[in-house]
Amino acid sequence: MSARSDRLFTSAFLALTLSELAYFTAGGLIIGVTPFFVTGPLGSDEAGLGLVAGAFGVTTLLLRPYAGRLSDRRGRRPLLIGGALLCAAVVLAHVAVTDVVATVGLRLLLGVAEAFYFVAGYAALADLAPPGRTGEALSYNSLALYLGIALGPFVGQQLLDAGGFGVAWAGGAALALLAALLALRVPETAEGLERAADDGPAPLFHRAAVGPGLALFTGVAAMSGFLLLVGPQAERLGVDSWSVTFLVFGSVVVIFRVAFARLPDRVPPMRLGAAALGLCGLGLVIASLAPGIGGLLAGTAALAAGVAFMTPALFAATFARVHPSERGSAAATGTIFIDLGFSGGPLFVGFVAASIGIPAAFGAAAIVALTGAAATLLASSRGAPEAARSA
C-alpha cells in the first residue's frame, strides 16, 4: 500500500465535496418543495406528507448493507456516479405524477439512489482523510450536505415561483446530473479491492457502527421531522419567504463546522455526540415553546449548532473502530440508522402534527433527541471505543 498524503484538500477531496454539494442541493430542493407539492397539487395532508417523505427510507434501509459490501469489493466510484444518475432520473419523473401513491413509488426509487451515493461518498471520504484527521475531513466535507439543505429550498422556491412544480423538479434533476458529472473526476479510492475479494465479503452489518448509529438515529429523526414542517410553520406565522428557515439552519451548521472543524479529533467523539444531541433537543424545545418567528428561528439556530457536531463526531467514532477494507460496510451500517431516522422521524412528527399541531410535534422531536443524548452519554462513560486497526 502506498503512503497516504498528509494533505486534506486534494483535488480528489474537492471533486468529491463539489459533487456532494450538487447532490445535496438537489436533496434540499426536494425537502423544501415536497410539503407544498403533497399538500397542494396532490391534495393530501400532513400525514400523507409524512408517508411520502419517509418512503425513501424503506429502500435505503434494505440496500445500504449491500451498497456497503459492493463499495468494498468493487469500489466507491461506480456507486457515486450511478447513484447520482438514478437520482436525476427519479426527480425528473416527479413532473408526471398526480397522486400520493405514485409519489411514494418514486421516493422508493430515490432511496436506491441514496443508498448507493451516500454510502460510497462516506467511504470515499474516509479513504481520502489523512491519518488522525477523519473528524476534520468529515466536518469540512459535510458542509456540502448542509449547504445543500440551506440552498436547495431557496433554489426550489425560486424555481417554483418562476415556473411551477415542473420547473422545480427539472432543476433538481439538473443538479443531480451535475453531481454525476463531478463524480467522474473522483478517482477510485478503495484500497485492497483484490485482497477484499480474496478474503470473502465484508459483513453486511458492522457491529462497530451500532452504538454511534443508534445515537445518529435519534438526532436525524428529530432533525428530519423538524425540517419537514419548519417551512409550513414559518408560512403559518406570516413569513412569505419560508426558505429563510433553511438558510438559517444551513448557515449555522456551516459556520460551526468551519470554526470547530478539528474538534471531533480532539474530544472523545461519543461524548461530543451526546453534547450535540442535547443541543439539538434544546433547539427543538425552543421552537416548540417560544412564540412567533423569532422563537422559531432561535430554535432552528440551536438545533443547527447541535447538528454541526453530531455527524462528524459519531462517524469519527465509527471509522476509528474499523479496518480500511471495511469502511464501506461500516459506513453502510451507520447510514442505516440515518435512513431509519429520515424515515421514522417524518412519519412520527407528521402524525403528531396532524393530531395536535406543529409546535407539539417539535416538542415530540425534542424528546427523541434528548433521549438519544442521555443514552449516548451513558454509553461513553462505560469506556472509550477500541482503537483503530491499522491497514
Protein backbone atom coordinates (compact mmCIF):
# COMPACT_ATOMS: atom_id res chain seq x y z
CA MET A 1 0.00 0.00 0.00
CA SER A 2 1.35 3.43 -0.91
CA ALA A 3 1.83 6.04 1.76
CA ARG A 4 -1.08 8.40 2.11
CA SER A 5 -0.51 12.14 1.75
CA ASP A 6 -0.99 14.36 4.80
CA ARG A 7 -2.81 16.91 2.63
CA LEU A 8 -6.56 17.11 3.18
CA PHE A 9 -7.60 19.49 0.41
CA THR A 10 -6.52 17.39 -2.55
CA SER A 11 -8.16 17.54 -5.98
CA ALA A 12 -9.96 14.27 -5.22
CA PHE A 13 -11.32 15.62 -1.92
CA LEU A 14 -12.53 18.80 -3.62
CA ALA A 15 -14.14 16.90 -6.50
CA LEU A 16 -15.99 14.64 -4.07
CA THR A 17 -17.15 17.60 -1.98
CA LEU A 18 -18.39 19.56 -5.01
CA SER A 19 -20.24 16.50 -6.30
CA GLU A 20 -21.90 16.12 -2.92
CA LEU A 21 -22.78 19.82 -2.85
CA ALA A 22 -24.68 19.44 -6.13
CA TYR A 23 -26.33 16.19 -4.99
CA PHE A 24 -27.43 17.52 -1.61
CA THR A 25 -28.63 20.81 -3.08
CA ALA A 26 -30.95 18.67 -5.18
CA GLY A 27 -31.92 16.90 -1.95
CA GLY A 28 -32.55 20.24 -0.23
CA LEU A 29 -34.76 21.28 -3.12
CA ILE A 30 -36.75 18.08 -2.67
CA ILE A 31 -37.10 18.68 1.08
CA GLY A 32 -38.30 22.23 0.57
CA VAL A 33 -40.69 21.68 -2.34
CA THR A 34 -42.25 18.37 -1.26
CA PRO A 35 -44.55 19.72 1.52
CA PHE A 36 -46.16 22.17 -0.90
CA PHE A 37 -46.36 19.56 -3.68
CA VAL A 38 -48.06 16.96 -1.50
CA THR A 39 -50.50 19.34 0.22
CA GLY A 40 -51.05 21.35 -2.98
CA PRO A 41 -51.42 19.56 -6.34
CA LEU A 42 -51.64 16.11 -4.74
CA GLY A 43 -54.33 17.26 -2.28
CA SER A 44 -53.05 15.38 0.78
CA ASP A 45 -52.41 16.41 4.42
CA GLU A 46 -49.53 16.25 6.92
CA ALA A 47 -49.99 12.52 7.40
CA GLY A 48 -49.68 11.94 3.65
CA LEU A 49 -46.67 14.25 3.65
CA GLY A 50 -45.00 12.14 6.33
CA LEU A 51 -45.67 9.00 4.29
CA VAL A 52 -44.12 10.49 1.15
CA ALA A 53 -41.12 11.96 2.97
CA GLY A 54 -40.39 8.73 4.82
CA ALA A 55 -40.91 6.31 1.94
CA PHE A 56 -37.39 6.50 0.56
CA GLY A 57 -36.07 5.10 3.86
CA VAL A 58 -37.60 1.71 3.07
CA THR A 59 -35.34 1.02 0.09
CA THR A 60 -32.32 2.72 1.58
CA LEU A 61 -32.71 0.58 4.68
CA LEU A 62 -32.81 -2.60 2.61
CA LEU A 63 -30.00 -1.66 0.22
CA ARG A 64 -27.43 0.13 2.37
CA PRO A 65 -25.74 -3.10 3.57
CA TYR A 66 -25.37 -4.38 0.02
CA ALA A 67 -24.17 -0.98 -1.17
CA GLY A 68 -21.50 -1.05 1.54
CA ARG A 69 -20.33 -4.52 0.62
CA LEU A 70 -20.35 -3.60 -3.07
CA SER A 71 -18.28 -0.47 -2.46
CA ASP A 72 -15.69 -2.52 -0.50
CA ARG A 73 -15.43 -5.14 -3.25
CA ARG A 74 -15.97 -3.14 -6.45
CA GLY A 75 -15.04 0.39 -5.47
CA ARG A 76 -16.64 3.67 -4.48
CA ARG A 77 -16.69 5.41 -7.86
CA PRO A 78 -19.31 3.32 -9.71
CA LEU A 79 -21.81 3.79 -6.89
CA LEU A 80 -21.22 7.54 -6.74
CA ILE A 81 -21.84 8.01 -10.46
CA GLY A 82 -24.70 5.52 -10.74
CA GLY A 83 -26.49 6.83 -7.65
CA ALA A 84 -26.38 10.44 -8.89
CA LEU A 85 -27.67 9.47 -12.35
CA LEU A 86 -30.56 7.50 -10.88
CA CYS A 87 -31.41 10.42 -8.60
CA ALA A 88 -31.59 12.76 -11.62
CA ALA A 89 -33.97 10.44 -13.45
CA VAL A 90 -36.27 9.95 -10.45
CA VAL A 91 -36.51 13.65 -9.59
CA LEU A 92 -37.37 14.49 -13.18
CA ALA A 93 -40.10 11.82 -13.15
CA HIS A 94 -41.94 13.84 -10.46
CA VAL A 95 -43.15 16.03 -13.32
CA ALA A 96 -45.53 13.26 -14.41
CA VAL A 97 -47.04 12.12 -11.06
CA THR A 98 -50.52 13.18 -9.98
CA ASP A 99 -51.19 11.26 -6.74
CA VAL A 100 -49.58 10.26 -3.47
CA VAL A 101 -49.24 6.58 -4.39
CA ALA A 102 -47.14 7.32 -7.48
CA THR A 103 -45.04 9.79 -5.50
CA VAL A 104 -44.35 7.17 -2.85
CA GLY A 105 -43.21 4.83 -5.63
CA LEU A 106 -40.76 7.43 -6.89
CA ARG A 107 -39.45 8.00 -3.39
CA LEU A 108 -38.76 4.29 -3.07
CA LEU A 109 -36.61 4.54 -6.21
CA LEU A 110 -34.97 7.66 -4.85
CA GLY A 111 -33.95 5.54 -1.87
CA VAL A 112 -31.98 3.25 -4.18
CA ALA A 113 -30.01 6.22 -5.47
CA GLU A 114 -29.49 7.47 -1.94
CA ALA A 115 -28.19 4.09 -0.73
CA PHE A 116 -25.55 3.94 -3.47
CA TYR A 117 -24.41 7.55 -3.44
CA PHE A 118 -24.39 8.19 0.31
CA VAL A 119 -22.54 5.02 1.32
CA ALA A 120 -19.92 5.40 -1.40
CA GLY A 121 -19.42 9.06 -0.53
CA TYR A 122 -18.78 8.43 3.17
CA ALA A 123 -16.45 5.52 2.44
CA ALA A 124 -14.51 7.54 -0.14
CA LEU A 125 -14.18 10.40 2.32
CA ALA A 126 -12.72 8.11 4.98
CA ASP A 127 -10.30 6.77 2.36
CA LEU A 128 -9.15 10.28 1.46
CA ALA A 129 -8.75 11.61 5.02
CA PRO A 130 -5.14 11.80 6.29
CA PRO A 131 -4.38 9.78 9.43
CA GLY A 132 -5.76 11.41 12.56
CA ARG A 133 -7.88 13.91 10.60
CA THR A 134 -11.03 11.90 9.87
CA GLY A 135 -13.22 14.12 12.03
CA GLU A 136 -11.84 17.24 10.38
CA ALA A 137 -12.42 15.77 6.93
CA LEU A 138 -16.00 14.91 7.88
CA SER A 139 -16.56 18.43 9.20
CA TYR A 140 -15.41 20.13 6.01
CA ASN A 141 -16.89 17.62 3.58
CA SER A 142 -20.27 17.57 5.27
CA LEU A 143 -20.58 21.29 4.63
CA ALA A 144 -21.83 20.13 1.26
CA LEU A 145 -24.80 18.43 2.89
CA TYR A 146 -25.84 21.41 4.96
CA LEU A 147 -25.12 24.00 2.30
CA GLY A 148 -27.37 21.84 0.13
CA ILE A 149 -30.09 21.89 2.80
CA ALA A 150 -29.67 25.68 3.07
CA LEU A 151 -29.55 26.47 -0.64
CA GLY A 152 -31.78 23.75 -2.08
CA PRO A 153 -35.09 25.00 -0.64
CA PHE A 154 -34.22 28.56 -1.70
CA VAL A 155 -33.47 27.38 -5.24
CA GLY A 156 -36.66 25.31 -5.18
CA GLN A 157 -38.77 28.28 -4.08
CA GLN A 158 -37.33 30.50 -6.81
CA LEU A 159 -37.95 27.87 -9.49
CA LEU A 160 -41.41 27.18 -8.10
CA ASP A 161 -42.33 30.86 -8.21
CA ALA A 162 -40.86 31.22 -11.68
CA GLY A 163 -42.44 28.24 -13.43
CA GLY A 164 -44.30 25.91 -11.10
CA PHE A 165 -43.56 22.41 -9.87
CA GLY A 166 -42.40 21.13 -13.27
CA VAL A 167 -39.60 23.69 -13.42
CA ALA A 168 -38.64 22.99 -9.81
CA TRP A 169 -38.35 19.23 -10.40
CA ALA A 170 -36.38 19.79 -13.60
CA GLY A 171 -33.96 22.00 -11.67
CA GLY A 172 -33.47 19.28 -9.05
CA ALA A 173 -32.75 16.74 -11.78
CA ALA A 174 -30.16 19.06 -13.35
CA LEU A 175 -28.37 19.39 -10.01
CA ALA A 176 -28.23 15.60 -9.59
CA LEU A 177 -26.86 15.26 -13.12
CA LEU A 178 -24.17 17.80 -12.26
CA ALA A 179 -23.28 15.66 -9.23
CA ALA A 180 -22.75 12.68 -11.54
CA LEU A 181 -20.51 14.70 -13.86
CA LEU A 182 -18.39 15.92 -10.94
CA ALA A 183 -18.14 12.37 -9.57
CA LEU A 184 -16.41 11.40 -12.82
CA ARG A 185 -13.44 13.42 -11.54
CA VAL A 186 -13.17 11.42 -8.30
CA PRO A 187 -10.59 8.63 -8.66
CA GLU A 188 -11.18 5.22 -7.16
CA THR A 189 -10.17 5.49 -3.50
CA ALA A 190 -10.85 1.99 -2.15
CA GLU A 191 -7.73 0.14 -1.05
CA GLY A 192 -7.09 -3.55 -1.41
CA LEU A 193 -10.06 -4.48 -3.61
CA GLU A 194 -8.31 -7.62 -4.78
CA ARG A 195 -7.49 -8.63 -1.21
CA ALA A 196 -11.07 -7.93 -0.12
CA ALA A 197 -12.35 -10.23 -2.84
CA ASP A 198 -9.93 -12.99 -1.80
CA ASP A 199 -10.84 -12.65 1.90
CA GLY A 200 -14.54 -13.00 1.25
CA PRO A 201 -17.33 -10.46 1.62
CA ALA A 202 -17.28 -7.79 4.29
CA PRO A 203 -20.02 -8.08 6.90
CA LEU A 204 -23.40 -6.74 5.81
CA PHE A 205 -23.98 -5.30 9.29
CA HIS A 206 -20.88 -3.99 11.08
CA ARG A 207 -21.11 -4.22 14.87
CA ALA A 208 -18.66 -1.34 15.37
CA ALA A 209 -21.17 1.11 13.94
CA VAL A 210 -24.14 0.14 16.14
CA GLY A 211 -23.52 2.42 19.14
CA PRO A 212 -22.78 5.58 17.14
CA GLY A 213 -25.55 4.59 14.73
CA LEU A 214 -28.21 4.48 17.42
CA ALA A 215 -27.15 7.97 18.51
CA LEU A 216 -27.35 9.17 14.92
CA PHE A 217 -30.83 7.71 14.62
CA THR A 218 -32.23 9.88 17.40
CA GLY A 219 -30.59 13.05 16.11
CA VAL A 220 -31.53 12.51 12.48
CA ALA A 221 -35.12 11.55 13.35
CA ALA A 222 -35.54 14.75 15.36
CA MET A 223 -33.85 16.92 12.73
CA SER A 224 -35.70 15.47 9.74
CA GLY A 225 -39.05 15.78 11.45
CA PHE A 226 -38.31 19.42 12.19
CA LEU A 227 -37.14 20.18 8.64
CA LEU A 228 -40.28 18.57 7.23
CA LEU A 229 -42.54 21.08 8.99
CA VAL A 230 -40.44 24.20 9.55
CA GLY A 231 -41.33 25.66 6.13
CA PRO A 232 -45.10 25.29 6.57
CA GLN A 233 -44.80 26.57 10.17
CA ALA A 234 -42.92 29.69 9.02
CA GLU A 235 -45.59 30.33 6.41
CA ARG A 236 -48.33 29.95 9.04
CA LEU A 237 -46.51 32.54 11.16
CA GLY A 238 -46.81 35.01 8.30
CA VAL A 239 -43.38 34.64 6.66
CA ASP A 240 -43.66 34.66 2.86
CA SER A 241 -40.04 33.61 2.31
CA TRP A 242 -40.33 30.34 4.24
CA SER A 243 -36.95 29.18 2.88
CA VAL A 244 -35.23 31.63 5.27
CA THR A 245 -35.54 28.97 7.98
CA PHE A 246 -33.43 26.58 5.91
CA LEU A 247 -30.91 29.33 5.21
CA VAL A 248 -30.54 29.94 8.95
CA PHE A 249 -30.20 26.22 9.63
CA GLY A 250 -27.59 25.62 6.94
CA SER A 251 -25.64 28.80 7.68
CA VAL A 252 -25.27 27.96 11.38
CA VAL A 253 -24.10 24.44 10.57
CA VAL A 254 -21.53 25.76 8.08
CA ILE A 255 -20.17 28.39 10.50
CA PHE A 256 -19.78 25.89 13.33
CA ARG A 257 -18.28 23.20 11.11
CA VAL A 258 -15.63 25.60 9.79
CA ALA A 259 -14.87 27.22 13.15
CA PHE A 260 -14.59 23.91 15.02
CA ALA A 261 -13.51 21.55 12.24
CA ARG A 262 -10.83 19.82 14.34
CA LEU A 263 -12.91 19.40 17.48
CA PRO A 264 -14.12 15.82 16.63
CA ASP A 265 -10.47 14.70 16.51
CA ARG A 266 -9.63 16.30 19.88
CA VAL A 267 -12.63 15.39 22.04
CA PRO A 268 -13.86 11.83 22.74
CA PRO A 269 -16.31 11.51 19.85
CA MET A 270 -19.15 9.77 21.70
CA ARG A 271 -19.14 12.46 24.41
CA LEU A 272 -19.17 15.16 21.75
CA GLY A 273 -22.04 13.33 20.08
CA ALA A 274 -24.01 13.30 23.34
CA ALA A 275 -23.50 17.04 23.81
CA ALA A 276 -24.56 17.66 20.21
CA LEU A 277 -27.78 15.70 20.69
CA GLY A 278 -28.53 17.65 23.86
CA LEU A 279 -28.16 20.92 21.94
CA CYS A 280 -30.47 19.57 19.22
CA GLY A 281 -33.08 18.82 21.87
CA LEU A 282 -32.75 22.30 23.35
CA GLY A 283 -33.31 23.88 19.95
CA LEU A 284 -36.45 21.85 19.39
CA VAL A 285 -37.81 22.82 22.81
CA ILE A 286 -37.28 26.50 21.92
CA ALA A 287 -39.00 26.04 18.55
CA SER A 288 -41.91 24.33 20.27
CA LEU A 289 -42.45 26.80 23.12
CA ALA A 290 -41.11 30.22 22.07
CA PRO A 291 -43.69 32.40 20.31
CA GLY A 292 -43.55 33.81 16.79
CA ILE A 293 -40.97 33.67 14.04
CA GLY A 294 -38.22 34.84 16.41
CA GLY A 295 -38.65 31.75 18.56
CA LEU A 296 -38.76 29.51 15.51
CA LEU A 297 -35.51 30.97 14.14
CA ALA A 298 -33.80 30.79 17.54
CA GLY A 299 -34.77 27.14 17.87
CA THR A 300 -33.59 26.49 14.32
CA ALA A 301 -30.19 28.02 15.10
CA ALA A 302 -29.73 25.98 18.31
CA LEU A 303 -30.74 22.77 16.54
CA ALA A 304 -28.29 23.54 13.75
CA ALA A 305 -25.46 24.10 16.23
CA GLY A 306 -26.04 20.62 17.62
CA VAL A 307 -26.27 19.06 14.18
CA ALA A 308 -22.93 20.70 13.27
CA PHE A 309 -21.11 18.38 15.67
CA MET A 310 -23.38 15.33 15.59
CA THR A 311 -22.44 13.64 12.32
CA PRO A 312 -18.64 14.27 12.33
CA ALA A 313 -18.35 13.07 15.94
CA LEU A 314 -20.40 9.90 15.53
CA PHE A 315 -18.92 8.85 12.19
CA ALA A 316 -15.41 9.53 13.53
CA ALA A 317 -16.27 7.15 16.38
CA THR A 318 -17.33 4.55 13.83
CA PHE A 319 -14.33 4.79 11.49
CA ALA A 320 -11.92 4.70 14.45
CA ARG A 321 -13.04 1.12 15.08
CA VAL A 322 -12.73 -0.49 11.65
CA HIS A 323 -10.11 -1.64 9.15
CA PRO A 324 -9.82 0.44 5.95
CA SER A 325 -11.06 -2.52 3.89
CA GLU A 326 -14.31 -2.49 5.90
CA ARG A 327 -15.10 1.22 5.69
CA GLY A 328 -17.84 0.68 3.14
CA SER A 329 -19.53 -1.86 5.39
CA ALA A 330 -19.19 0.40 8.44
CA ALA A 331 -20.48 3.42 6.51
CA ALA A 332 -23.43 1.36 5.30
CA THR A 333 -24.32 0.26 8.82
CA GLY A 334 -24.03 3.80 10.15
CA THR A 335 -26.18 5.19 7.36
CA ILE A 336 -28.83 2.52 8.01
CA PHE A 337 -29.51 4.35 11.24
CA ILE A 338 -29.63 7.62 9.31
CA ASP A 339 -32.21 6.00 7.00
CA LEU A 340 -34.27 4.93 9.97
CA GLY A 341 -34.13 8.47 11.28
CA PHE A 342 -35.05 10.08 7.97
CA SER A 343 -37.88 7.60 7.52
CA GLY A 344 -39.22 7.34 11.05
CA GLY A 345 -38.75 11.00 12.01
CA PRO A 346 -41.07 12.48 9.34
CA LEU A 347 -43.64 9.72 9.87
CA PHE A 348 -43.71 10.24 13.63
CA VAL A 349 -43.61 14.03 13.58
CA GLY A 350 -46.07 14.23 10.67
CA PHE A 351 -48.67 12.17 12.52
CA VAL A 352 -48.17 14.15 15.74
CA ALA A 353 -48.60 17.40 13.80
CA ALA A 354 -51.76 16.11 12.11
CA SER A 355 -53.18 15.16 15.51
CA ILE A 356 -52.25 18.03 17.83
CA GLY A 357 -50.33 20.62 15.82
CA ILE A 358 -46.83 21.50 14.65
CA PRO A 359 -45.50 23.04 17.92
CA ALA A 360 -46.37 19.84 19.78
CA ALA A 361 -44.66 17.84 17.03
CA PHE A 362 -41.48 19.86 17.58
CA GLY A 363 -41.75 19.03 21.30
CA ALA A 364 -42.07 15.32 20.49
CA ALA A 365 -38.94 15.55 18.34
CA ALA A 366 -37.13 17.20 21.26
CA ILE A 367 -37.91 14.21 23.48
CA VAL A 368 -36.35 11.89 20.87
CA ALA A 369 -33.13 13.93 20.69
CA LEU A 370 -32.79 14.31 24.46
CA THR A 371 -33.33 10.59 24.97
CA GLY A 372 -30.51 9.94 22.50
CA ALA A 373 -28.26 12.40 24.31
CA ALA A 374 -28.76 10.66 27.65
CA ALA A 375 -28.18 7.18 26.21
CA THR A 376 -25.06 8.28 24.31
CA LEU A 377 -23.58 9.95 27.37
CA LEU A 378 -24.18 6.78 29.37
CA ALA A 379 -22.51 4.67 26.66
CA SER A 380 -19.49 6.99 26.50
CA SER A 381 -18.99 6.74 30.27
CA ARG A 382 -18.58 2.96 30.03
CA GLY A 383 -15.26 3.21 28.23
CA ALA A 384 -13.52 4.59 25.18
CA PRO A 385 -14.04 2.90 21.80
CA GLU A 386 -11.46 0.47 20.62
CA ALA A 387 -8.51 1.94 18.80
CA ALA A 388 -8.49 1.98 15.05
CA ARG A 389 -6.96 -1.04 13.39
CA SER A 390 -4.21 -0.06 11.03
CA ALA A 391 -4.20 -1.02 7.41
